[in-house]
Each structure stands twice: as C-alpha cells, then as structure tokens.
C-alpha cells in the first residue's frame, strides 16, 4: 500500500506540478484551501501533508495545528517563501517535521518526503519493539531515545527474524538479558521457549548437567534422569549469560551442539540427541582477548559471534537518564504505595553528573532508595544514596547541597544533552526542559544567552 500525501496550495500550477512529481510513488490528494484539506483529512488517512504557509487569506499554520491533533497525525511539511522562514521555524516548534522554501527544489522535496516517511517507519517499529518488551520484560530497563540505544534497537529489529546466533557484549547492568528476550520475542521462534542459563553461577560439572542433562546414576546425587536446557529450548532460544566463564571441556561440547549436526549426549549417557536451538550469548568480558590468551576457543567464539550487539554503558547515553528516572519513579511509587511523582532539579543534576559504574541496575536501585526515603511528592538530593551524592560532589568539585545546579554549567556534555533534547522534541522548549529535568525558564535563559544555538 502506497503512502498518502495531501498537497495544499492555493496556486493551481504548484498543486498540479507536485501531483505529477509524486503520484507514481504515492497516493496523492490535493486541496486549495484549509476547508478542502480538512475534508480530505476527515475521510482519508494521510501520511504526509505538504502545505503552503499562505493559502490566500488563510494561515497554513492553522491547518498544521488541526492535523497534529488527529488520532493518527500526519507528518507536516511547510512550504514557504524565503521571507517567512522564521514563521516556518515556529511551525517546527509546534510539531511540523520540516519546511522547504519557494521556488521549490523538486529533488529536495522528494528527498525530504522520503526521509520523513523513513523516520516515521523507524519510530513506529521502535515503539512497537519497546511495547513488546514492556509487556513482558520491563521497558524501563532499556527505555531511551539516544543514538546509542537506537542503534541497538535497530540491530535487534534486523537480526531477530533471522536464525543467526548473537553475541551481546556489555558491562554488568546494561540490559543484556532484556536484549536477548527482545530478539527471541521478535523472532519466528517466539512460540517456543526462551531458556536462560547463568553460566557463572554454576560449577563446571553442574553447568554441563544443566546444559545437556544427565542420566540416572551419572554421578553422586543423580537419582533420576534430568532433561537439560538445550532439550528444554528445542525449537526456541537458549540464552547463555556470562559465556566467558565456562571451562574448556564444556566449550568443546557446546561447540558440538552449535555445529550443523546440533548433537549432544546427556552426562552419563550414550544416546546422541539433537536440539534445534538458537543461541544468544552474553558476556561482560573481552572474548577476543580471552581467545588470544588461550582461555576461550576461537572456533566457538566465531560460532557465537555471527552478529554482535554492544549494549552501551549508561555513561555513554546520559541523555536517557531523565526518561529512565521517571519510569523508575512510576514503578517504585506504585510498588511502595507512595505518591512520589517527580524529582527535584538538583537531584537530577547529580544523577546526570554521576558516572554510573553499575549502569542502569545501579540507577534503578538509586531511584528505589530515593522513593523509599522521600518524605514528599519529589525525590530530593538528600534522598539519594550517600555514595552517589559524594561521588558527584567530588566530580564537580563542590559539596552536594540542595542548591539547584544548572546542568548547563556542568560543561560540554550537558550542552550536548540539551541539544539532543531539543532535537528529540522538534524544538519544543517545554518538552525538552521536562526531558532534562530543568525548568523551562532556565532553558530559555541559556538559549537567549546563545550558549546553545536553537
């Protein structure tokens, strides 16, 4: 089904020219005024509106405002004369996607529409992915809109339908198991089991039995046959967490079950079994270094590392912290039956300045601590764990007090956060300030000082 485009312009030759340009790739509707455009919007689902700023005596901004309030708002692109660029920028602040100037560069119009539609598709796919993860595995743990996280989500979406093994790297607390769940959930194997094995928690003997099962009498305490995790996961996905911890003898058997034969035997058994299982492995170690040191088999490494996903540490995606904080606030306020609905600006500034060695898991714990300790509707600086307050104080060279610290004073990192927040909200000052956990007035003041160009 082709995307739909509504062209709104009071000049007939412009409408007809754009229709001829676009009708081969899109379903094109035209209107010469706001009334005609609204009539189309009421009976058709429109993906893109391309509208002139001036429609005779009417203001195209009114049409954009009306369109963006629809249940399924279209992408709005403004056409404007050079002298009205400031007004077009204002339209973007109110939700328009972009603008083009007249006389139109038709190649630019085509590229802009294609880019807008692709951006919408990616946004919808990521939203769908997040919704699916949220339903079963807690979206708050991988919530965010940073470039680093979007790259992870894009890779998950692309690799999930395939049969490829996946290696997920990342520090502890970055959400590796959630990424593995998401891959399984979006795959063709999602009707079968997702079976997780935490390799570091088991001795070599127990791990081998856990993976492949054992026969009765195979070792002391083996009073009955046990079905291993590979058999349990047949047709589905097995997740091997901390794969770098397994012993060489188990590596050999794991390599065999991952070969084309997919064969293994239970511990103490002689019958060769087979299991159709997709393997997703995770590690917080450098497997390449372990291979060089002779501690990890290179042939097993290559079988695991068909597609590699690197989960970014929280310090590399600090622009996501305000979203994560508010998600955790909602979760723990409900869990503890406390009406804690927000966090003070100074507390948020400390969270933004902290380095998060424990990543999202540490942030989650910090917010839980804050909610439990809060005596009012907001988590304050004194409600945060002492270690975080003290570390932030050392990092900024000042004591952690209740004085509000402007996050823009913390340096280039915070300037980058503000710029990204504005980009993510299409220049919406209120939304950007809320995303950053600062006041609208503070953000306006810094923008007016031209510390950040807007």
Protein backbone atom coordinates (compact mmCIF):
# COMPACT_ATOMS: atom_id res chain seq x y z
CA UNK A 1 0.00 0.00 0.00
CA UNK A 2 1.45 3.36 -1.06
CA UNK A 3 1.88 6.21 1.45
CA UNK A 4 -0.65 9.02 1.12
CA UNK A 5 0.23 12.67 0.61
CA UNK A 6 -2.02 15.72 0.80
CA UNK A 7 -0.80 18.78 -1.15
CA UNK A 8 -2.37 22.06 -0.03
CA UNK A 9 -1.62 25.16 -2.10
CA UNK A 10 -3.80 27.94 -3.50
CA UNK A 11 -1.72 28.05 -6.71
CA UNK A 12 -3.03 25.52 -9.23
CA UNK A 13 0.23 25.10 -11.14
CA UNK A 14 2.05 24.27 -7.88
CA UNK A 15 -0.56 21.66 -6.91
CA UNK A 16 -0.51 20.09 -10.36
CA UNK A 17 3.28 20.09 -10.59
CA UNK A 18 3.70 18.41 -7.22
CA UNK A 19 0.97 15.89 -8.06
CA UNK A 20 2.79 14.88 -11.27
CA UNK A 21 6.09 14.62 -9.36
CA UNK A 22 4.75 12.41 -6.57
CA UNK A 23 1.85 10.36 -7.93
CA UNK A 24 3.99 7.48 -9.23
CA UNK A 25 5.21 6.63 -5.71
CA UNK A 26 2.38 7.95 -3.52
CA UNK A 27 -1.39 8.26 -3.39
CA UNK A 28 -1.75 12.00 -3.85
CA UNK A 29 -4.64 14.21 -2.74
CA UNK A 30 -4.84 17.96 -3.37
CA UNK A 31 -6.68 20.89 -1.83
CA UNK A 32 -6.57 24.63 -2.46
CA UNK A 33 -7.59 25.82 0.99
CA UNK A 34 -7.93 24.73 4.63
CA UNK A 35 -11.57 23.70 4.22
CA UNK A 36 -10.73 21.38 1.33
CA UNK A 37 -7.77 19.96 3.24
CA UNK A 38 -9.86 19.23 6.32
CA UNK A 39 -12.44 17.50 4.14
CA UNK A 40 -9.71 15.15 2.86
CA UNK A 41 -8.37 14.55 6.39
CA UNK A 42 -11.85 13.61 7.62
CA UNK A 43 -12.29 10.82 5.06
CA UNK A 44 -8.70 9.64 4.39
CA UNK A 45 -5.71 8.61 6.48
CA UNK A 46 -2.92 10.90 5.33
CA UNK A 47 0.75 10.13 5.94
CA UNK A 48 2.24 13.48 4.82
CA UNK A 49 0.80 16.97 4.45
CA UNK A 50 2.74 19.33 2.19
CA UNK A 51 1.14 22.72 2.74
CA UNK A 52 1.87 26.31 1.81
CA UNK A 53 2.27 28.77 4.66
CA UNK A 54 -0.04 31.27 2.96
CA UNK A 55 -3.28 29.96 1.48
CA UNK A 56 -4.88 33.09 0.07
CA UNK A 57 -6.09 34.87 3.17
CA UNK A 58 -5.68 31.79 5.36
CA UNK A 59 -2.78 30.68 7.54
CA UNK A 60 -1.34 27.24 6.83
CA UNK A 61 -0.24 27.07 10.47
CA UNK A 62 -3.90 26.59 11.43
CA UNK A 63 -4.06 23.52 9.21
CA UNK A 64 -0.91 22.07 10.80
CA UNK A 65 -2.28 22.67 14.30
CA UNK A 66 -5.51 20.92 13.31
CA UNK A 67 -3.75 17.99 11.63
CA UNK A 68 -1.42 17.33 14.56
CA UNK A 69 -4.41 16.87 16.86
CA UNK A 70 -5.73 13.93 14.82
CA UNK A 71 -5.57 10.43 16.40
CA UNK A 72 -3.02 9.47 13.73
CA UNK A 73 -1.32 12.80 12.99
CA UNK A 74 0.39 13.08 9.60
CA UNK A 75 3.91 14.33 9.00
CA UNK A 76 3.59 18.05 8.28
CA UNK A 77 5.98 19.81 5.89
CA UNK A 78 5.62 23.54 5.32
CA UNK A 79 6.25 25.35 2.01
CA UNK A 80 7.19 28.97 2.47
CA UNK A 81 8.79 31.97 0.79
CA UNK A 82 12.29 32.99 1.87
CA UNK A 83 10.92 35.93 3.83
CA UNK A 84 8.78 33.69 6.04
CA UNK A 85 11.44 31.27 7.26
CA UNK A 86 11.04 32.44 10.86
CA UNK A 87 7.38 31.51 10.73
CA UNK A 88 8.25 28.10 9.32
CA UNK A 89 10.70 27.55 12.18
CA UNK A 90 7.88 28.40 14.58
CA UNK A 91 5.76 25.75 12.83
CA UNK A 92 8.50 23.19 13.52
CA UNK A 93 8.47 24.16 17.18
CA UNK A 94 4.74 23.43 17.19
CA UNK A 95 5.21 20.00 15.65
CA UNK A 96 5.87 20.33 11.93
CA UNK A 97 8.56 17.99 10.60
CA UNK A 98 10.43 20.46 8.34
CA UNK A 99 9.98 23.17 5.74
CA UNK A 100 11.08 23.93 2.16
CA UNK A 101 11.38 27.33 0.57
CA UNK A 102 9.82 28.54 -2.66
CA UNK A 103 10.61 28.39 -5.51
CA UNK A 104 10.68 24.67 -4.79
CA UNK A 105 13.63 22.44 -5.47
CA UNK A 106 11.72 19.32 -6.52
CA UNK A 107 14.62 16.97 -5.83
CA UNK A 108 14.81 18.33 -2.30
CA UNK A 109 11.06 17.88 -1.85
CA UNK A 110 11.27 14.22 -2.88
CA UNK A 111 14.24 13.56 -0.60
CA UNK A 112 12.57 15.32 2.33
CA UNK A 113 9.34 13.32 1.99
CA UNK A 114 11.22 10.02 1.67
CA UNK A 115 13.35 10.85 4.73
CA UNK A 116 10.29 11.87 6.75
CA UNK A 117 8.48 8.62 5.94
CA UNK A 118 11.53 6.51 6.75
CA UNK A 119 11.92 8.33 10.07
CA UNK A 120 8.24 7.65 10.84
CA UNK A 121 8.63 3.94 10.00
CA UNK A 122 11.68 3.57 12.23
CA UNK A 123 9.91 5.42 15.03
CA UNK A 124 6.86 3.15 14.75
CA UNK A 125 8.99 -0.01 14.61
CA UNK A 126 10.99 1.05 17.65
CA UNK A 127 7.80 1.93 19.50
CA UNK A 128 6.39 -1.49 18.65
CA UNK A 129 9.60 -3.16 19.81
CA UNK A 130 9.58 -1.24 23.07
CA UNK A 131 5.91 -2.03 23.63
CA UNK A 132 6.52 -5.74 23.17
CA UNK A 133 9.46 -5.68 25.55
CA UNK A 134 7.48 -3.63 28.05
CA UNK A 135 4.59 -6.10 28.08
CA UNK A 136 6.78 -8.93 29.33
CA UNK A 137 10.20 -7.73 30.40
CA UNK A 138 10.01 -4.16 31.71
CA UNK A 139 10.62 -1.45 29.13
CA UNK A 140 12.02 0.88 31.76
CA UNK A 141 15.30 -1.03 31.68
CA UNK A 142 16.01 -0.19 28.06
CA UNK A 143 13.99 2.98 27.74
CA UNK A 144 15.64 5.85 25.91
CA UNK A 145 15.98 7.73 22.67
CA UNK A 146 19.74 8.24 22.50
CA UNK A 147 21.64 7.48 19.31
CA UNK A 148 23.48 4.65 21.08
CA UNK A 149 20.24 2.95 22.14
CA UNK A 150 18.54 3.48 18.78
CA UNK A 151 21.43 1.65 17.12
CA UNK A 152 20.90 -1.30 19.49
CA UNK A 153 17.15 -1.36 18.80
CA UNK A 154 17.75 -1.17 15.06
CA UNK A 155 20.12 -4.14 15.24
CA UNK A 156 17.68 -6.14 17.39
CA UNK A 157 14.89 -5.47 14.91
CA UNK A 158 17.07 -6.51 11.98
CA UNK A 159 18.63 -9.66 13.46
CA UNK A 160 15.56 -11.02 15.27
CA UNK A 161 13.79 -12.63 12.25
CA UNK A 162 16.98 -14.43 11.18
CA UNK A 163 18.37 -17.69 12.54
CA UNK A 164 21.79 -16.20 13.33
CA UNK A 165 23.48 -16.71 16.68
CA UNK A 166 24.02 -13.44 18.56
CA UNK A 167 26.73 -12.32 20.96
CA UNK A 168 25.70 -9.49 23.28
CA UNK A 169 28.54 -7.61 24.93
CA UNK A 170 28.34 -5.01 27.65
CA UNK A 171 29.08 -4.16 31.23
CA UNK A 172 27.01 -5.61 34.04
CA UNK A 173 23.68 -3.85 34.44
CA UNK A 174 23.34 -2.62 30.83
CA UNK A 175 20.37 -4.86 29.95
CA UNK A 176 21.94 -7.74 28.02
CA UNK A 177 19.32 -10.29 29.05
CA UNK A 178 16.49 -7.93 28.12
CA UNK A 179 18.01 -7.52 24.67
CA UNK A 180 18.14 -11.32 24.35
CA UNK A 181 14.46 -11.56 25.37
CA UNK A 182 13.60 -8.94 22.75
CA UNK A 183 15.39 -10.86 19.99
CA UNK A 184 13.53 -14.04 20.89
CA UNK A 185 10.21 -12.25 21.24
CA UNK A 186 10.50 -10.76 17.74
CA UNK A 187 11.77 -13.96 16.13
CA UNK A 188 9.98 -16.83 14.41
CA UNK A 189 10.81 -18.92 17.48
CA UNK A 190 8.75 -16.84 19.87
CA UNK A 191 6.06 -19.52 20.28
CA UNK A 192 8.70 -21.86 21.75
CA UNK A 193 10.66 -21.41 24.98
CA UNK A 194 13.26 -18.84 25.91
CA UNK A 195 15.61 -20.64 28.31
CA UNK A 196 18.26 -18.70 30.26
CA UNK A 197 21.40 -20.20 31.79
CA UNK A 198 23.64 -18.10 34.02
CA UNK A 199 26.95 -19.83 33.41
CA UNK A 200 28.97 -18.03 36.11
CA UNK A 201 26.66 -19.30 38.86
CA UNK A 202 27.43 -23.00 38.28
CA UNK A 203 30.48 -25.21 38.71
CA UNK A 204 31.77 -26.91 35.53
CA UNK A 205 30.14 -30.25 36.43
CA UNK A 206 26.81 -28.69 37.30
CA UNK A 207 26.89 -26.45 34.22
CA UNK A 208 27.41 -29.42 31.89
CA UNK A 209 24.49 -31.23 33.52
CA UNK A 210 22.38 -28.06 33.37
CA UNK A 211 23.06 -27.58 29.66
CA UNK A 212 22.85 -31.14 28.39
CA UNK A 213 21.03 -33.05 31.16
CA UNK A 214 22.14 -36.28 32.83
CA UNK A 215 21.12 -39.90 33.16
CA UNK A 216 20.19 -41.57 36.40
CA UNK A 217 23.32 -42.61 38.30
CA UNK A 218 25.63 -40.43 36.18
CA UNK A 219 27.18 -39.01 39.36
CA UNK A 220 26.57 -38.94 43.09
CA UNK A 221 23.15 -37.47 43.71
CA UNK A 222 21.85 -38.17 40.20
CA UNK A 223 18.84 -40.15 41.38
CA UNK A 224 16.83 -39.66 38.19
CA UNK A 225 17.20 -38.57 34.59
CA UNK A 226 17.33 -34.81 34.10
CA UNK A 227 16.42 -33.01 30.86
CA UNK A 228 18.96 -30.31 30.04
CA UNK A 229 18.37 -26.75 28.96
CA UNK A 230 19.12 -27.43 25.29
CA UNK A 231 16.38 -30.06 25.20
CA UNK A 232 14.01 -27.72 27.02
CA UNK A 233 14.71 -24.97 24.48
CA UNK A 234 14.20 -27.16 21.40
CA UNK A 235 12.60 -25.03 18.71
CA UNK A 236 13.27 -21.87 20.71
CA UNK A 237 16.16 -19.84 22.09
CA UNK A 238 18.79 -20.54 24.73
CA UNK A 239 20.47 -17.58 26.41
CA UNK A 240 23.94 -18.27 27.81
CA UNK A 241 24.80 -15.44 30.18
CA UNK A 242 28.48 -14.82 31.06
CA UNK A 243 29.65 -17.24 28.38
CA UNK A 244 33.25 -16.25 29.07
CA UNK A 245 33.16 -18.14 32.39
CA UNK A 246 32.74 -21.67 31.00
CA UNK A 247 35.55 -24.21 31.22
CA UNK A 248 37.37 -25.58 28.11
CA UNK A 249 35.80 -29.04 28.49
CA UNK A 250 32.31 -27.54 28.37
CA UNK A 251 33.33 -25.30 25.48
CA UNK A 252 34.06 -28.40 23.38
CA UNK A 253 30.61 -29.86 24.00
CA UNK A 254 28.96 -26.52 23.40
CA UNK A 255 30.76 -26.20 20.07
CA UNK A 256 29.38 -29.60 19.02
CA UNK A 257 25.77 -28.76 19.79
CA UNK A 258 26.19 -25.49 17.88
CA UNK A 259 27.54 -27.28 14.78
CA UNK A 260 25.40 -28.29 11.84
CA UNK A 261 24.76 -31.68 13.49
CA UNK A 262 23.34 -29.98 16.65
CA UNK A 263 24.30 -33.15 18.55
CA UNK A 264 24.98 -33.84 22.23
CA UNK A 265 24.70 -36.54 24.87
CA UNK A 266 23.40 -36.26 28.39
CA UNK A 267 26.02 -36.65 31.12
CA UNK A 268 26.43 -40.38 31.75
CA UNK A 269 24.51 -41.27 28.60
CA UNK A 270 25.44 -42.75 25.23
CA UNK A 271 22.40 -41.80 23.16
CA UNK A 272 23.09 -38.96 20.74
CA UNK A 273 20.36 -36.31 20.89
CA UNK A 274 19.68 -33.27 18.74
CA UNK A 275 18.19 -29.88 19.51
CA UNK A 276 17.11 -27.13 17.13
CA UNK A 277 18.08 -24.13 19.24
CA UNK A 278 19.14 -20.57 18.52
CA UNK A 279 21.99 -19.48 20.78
CA UNK A 280 22.23 -15.98 22.20
CA UNK A 281 25.26 -15.49 24.42
CA UNK A 282 26.23 -12.57 26.63
CA UNK A 283 29.47 -11.50 28.26
CA UNK A 284 30.93 -8.61 30.19
CA UNK A 285 34.42 -9.80 29.27
CA UNK A 286 36.50 -9.27 26.14
CA UNK A 287 36.17 -12.65 24.43
CA UNK A 288 38.71 -11.71 21.76
CA UNK A 289 41.28 -11.15 24.50
CA UNK A 290 40.35 -14.49 26.10
CA UNK A 291 40.87 -16.18 22.73
CA UNK A 292 44.33 -14.62 22.43
CA UNK A 293 45.16 -15.80 25.94
CA UNK A 294 44.04 -19.35 25.10
CA UNK A 295 41.19 -19.27 27.63
CA UNK A 296 38.38 -19.39 25.09
CA UNK A 297 38.20 -21.47 21.92
CA UNK A 298 38.45 -19.42 18.75
CA UNK A 299 36.13 -21.78 16.82
CA UNK A 300 33.44 -21.41 19.49
CA UNK A 301 33.93 -17.65 19.50
CA UNK A 302 33.34 -17.49 15.75
CA UNK A 303 30.18 -19.61 16.05
CA UNK A 304 28.82 -17.31 18.74
CA UNK A 305 29.88 -14.05 17.12
CA UNK A 306 27.73 -14.16 13.96
CA UNK A 307 26.05 -10.90 14.96
CA UNK A 308 27.44 -8.79 17.78
CA UNK A 309 25.41 -6.30 19.78
CA UNK A 310 27.17 -3.98 22.20
CA UNK A 311 24.99 -2.61 24.98
CA UNK A 312 26.15 0.93 25.75
CA UNK A 313 27.06 1.83 29.33
CA UNK A 314 24.80 4.40 30.94
CA UNK A 315 27.58 7.00 30.97
CA UNK A 316 27.52 6.86 27.14
CA UNK A 317 23.78 7.61 26.97
CA UNK A 318 23.24 10.14 29.75
CA UNK A 319 20.57 11.91 27.73
CA UNK A 320 18.36 8.90 28.52
CA UNK A 321 18.70 9.34 32.29
CA UNK A 322 15.66 11.66 32.75
CA UNK A 323 13.41 9.18 30.93
CA UNK A 324 14.77 6.25 32.92
CA UNK A 325 14.42 8.14 36.20
CA UNK A 326 10.77 8.95 35.62
CA UNK A 327 9.99 5.39 34.55
CA UNK A 328 11.60 4.08 37.74
CA UNK A 329 9.76 6.71 39.79
CA UNK A 330 6.42 5.48 38.46
CA UNK A 331 7.36 1.86 39.09
CA UNK A 332 8.62 2.24 42.65
CA UNK A 333 5.98 4.77 43.69
CA UNK A 334 3.33 2.23 42.76
CA UNK A 335 5.26 -0.68 44.27
CA UNK A 336 5.70 1.13 47.60
CA UNK A 337 2.30 2.84 47.54
CA UNK A 338 3.90 6.26 47.87
CA UNK A 339 2.77 9.37 45.93
CA UNK A 340 6.28 10.28 44.74
CA UNK A 341 5.76 11.71 41.26
CA UNK A 342 8.84 13.77 40.45
CA UNK A 343 12.46 14.57 41.26
CA UNK A 344 14.00 17.94 42.09
CA UNK A 345 16.29 19.66 39.63
CA UNK A 346 19.32 19.48 41.92
CA UNK A 347 18.83 15.73 42.44
CA UNK A 348 18.51 15.22 38.68
CA UNK A 349 21.69 17.24 38.11
CA UNK A 350 23.59 14.93 40.45
CA UNK A 351 22.29 11.89 38.58
CA UNK A 352 23.37 13.46 35.28
CA UNK A 353 26.84 14.15 36.64
CA UNK A 354 27.41 10.69 38.12
CA UNK A 355 29.44 8.10 36.16
CA UNK A 356 27.19 5.04 36.88
CA UNK A 357 29.69 2.17 37.13
CA UNK A 358 26.74 -0.14 37.87
CA UNK A 359 24.83 1.21 34.87
CA UNK A 360 21.02 1.01 34.69
CA UNK A 361 20.84 -1.52 37.50
CA UNK A 362 22.56 0.98 39.81
CA UNK A 363 20.28 3.82 38.66
CA UNK A 364 17.24 1.64 39.34
CA UNK A 365 18.48 0.93 42.87
CA UNK A 366 19.22 4.62 43.44
CA UNK A 367 15.69 5.65 42.47
CA UNK A 368 14.18 2.90 44.60
CA UNK A 369 16.23 4.24 47.53
CA UNK A 370 15.05 7.76 46.72
CA UNK A 371 11.37 6.80 46.63
CA UNK A 372 11.63 4.88 49.91
CA UNK A 373 13.41 7.77 51.65
CA UNK A 374 11.32 10.60 50.16
CA UNK A 375 9.09 12.45 52.61
CA UNK A 376 7.19 14.44 49.99
CA UNK A 377 5.98 14.23 46.40
CA UNK A 378 9.50 14.66 44.99
CA UNK A 379 12.77 12.80 45.41
CA UNK A 380 15.28 15.35 46.68
CA UNK A 381 19.05 15.36 46.74
CA UNK A 382 19.18 14.16 50.33
CA UNK A 383 17.00 11.14 49.40
CA UNK A 384 19.64 9.73 47.02
CA UNK A 385 22.22 7.18 48.24
CA UNK A 386 25.16 8.82 50.00
CA UNK A 387 27.72 7.22 47.69
CA UNK A 388 26.15 8.90 44.64
CA UNK A 389 25.95 12.29 46.33
CA UNK A 390 29.56 12.08 47.46
CA UNK A 391 30.89 10.88 44.10
CA UNK A 392 29.02 13.64 42.31
CA UNK A 393 30.43 16.17 44.76
CA UNK A 394 33.99 15.06 44.07
CA UNK A 395 33.41 15.05 40.32
CA UNK A 396 32.05 18.60 40.24
CA UNK A 397 34.48 19.92 42.84
CA UNK A 398 31.73 21.12 45.15
CA UNK A 399 29.73 19.74 48.03
CA UNK A 400 26.41 18.16 47.15
CA UNK A 401 23.83 20.51 48.65
CA UNK A 402 20.21 21.28 47.98
CA UNK A 403 21.22 24.31 45.91
CA UNK A 404 19.89 24.00 42.38
CA UNK A 405 22.73 23.43 39.95
CA UNK A 406 22.15 24.44 36.37
CA UNK A 407 23.05 21.38 34.30
CA UNK A 408 24.31 23.65 31.52
CA UNK A 409 27.10 24.77 33.85
CA UNK A 410 28.48 21.24 34.03
CA UNK A 411 30.31 21.53 30.69
CA UNK A 412 30.19 20.32 27.13
CA UNK A 413 28.47 17.03 28.00
CA UNK A 414 25.43 18.86 29.34
CA UNK A 415 25.38 21.19 26.34
CA UNK A 416 25.22 18.10 24.17
CA UNK A 417 22.34 16.76 26.26
CA UNK A 418 20.38 19.98 25.80
CA UNK A 419 21.00 19.99 22.04
CA UNK A 420 19.88 16.37 21.76
CA UNK A 421 16.80 17.01 23.88
CA UNK A 422 15.78 19.90 21.63
CA UNK A 423 16.31 17.76 18.55
CA UNK A 424 14.30 14.89 20.02
CA UNK A 425 11.37 17.20 20.79
CA UNK A 426 11.50 19.12 17.49
CA UNK A 427 12.48 22.28 19.33
CA UNK A 428 9.66 22.13 21.88
CA UNK A 429 11.09 24.06 24.83
CA UNK A 430 8.64 22.73 27.41
CA UNK A 431 9.13 19.11 26.38
CA UNK A 432 12.91 19.49 26.20
CA UNK A 433 13.05 21.05 29.67
CA UNK A 434 10.88 18.27 31.11
CA UNK A 435 13.07 15.64 29.45
CA UNK A 436 16.15 17.20 31.06
CA UNK A 437 14.60 17.75 34.47
CA UNK A 438 15.15 21.53 34.44
CA UNK A 439 12.75 24.43 34.33
CA UNK A 440 11.51 25.97 31.10
CA UNK A 441 12.76 29.37 32.29
CA UNK A 442 16.28 28.04 32.88
CA UNK A 443 16.38 26.53 29.42
CA UNK A 444 15.04 29.73 27.83
CA UNK A 445 17.64 31.82 29.65
CA UNK A 446 20.53 29.77 28.38
CA UNK A 447 19.15 29.72 24.85
CA UNK A 448 18.79 33.51 24.94
CA UNK A 449 22.40 33.77 26.10
CA UNK A 450 23.27 31.79 22.97
CA UNK A 451 25.20 29.18 24.93
CA UNK A 452 23.38 26.71 22.73
CA UNK A 453 22.11 27.71 19.31
CA UNK A 454 18.46 26.87 18.81
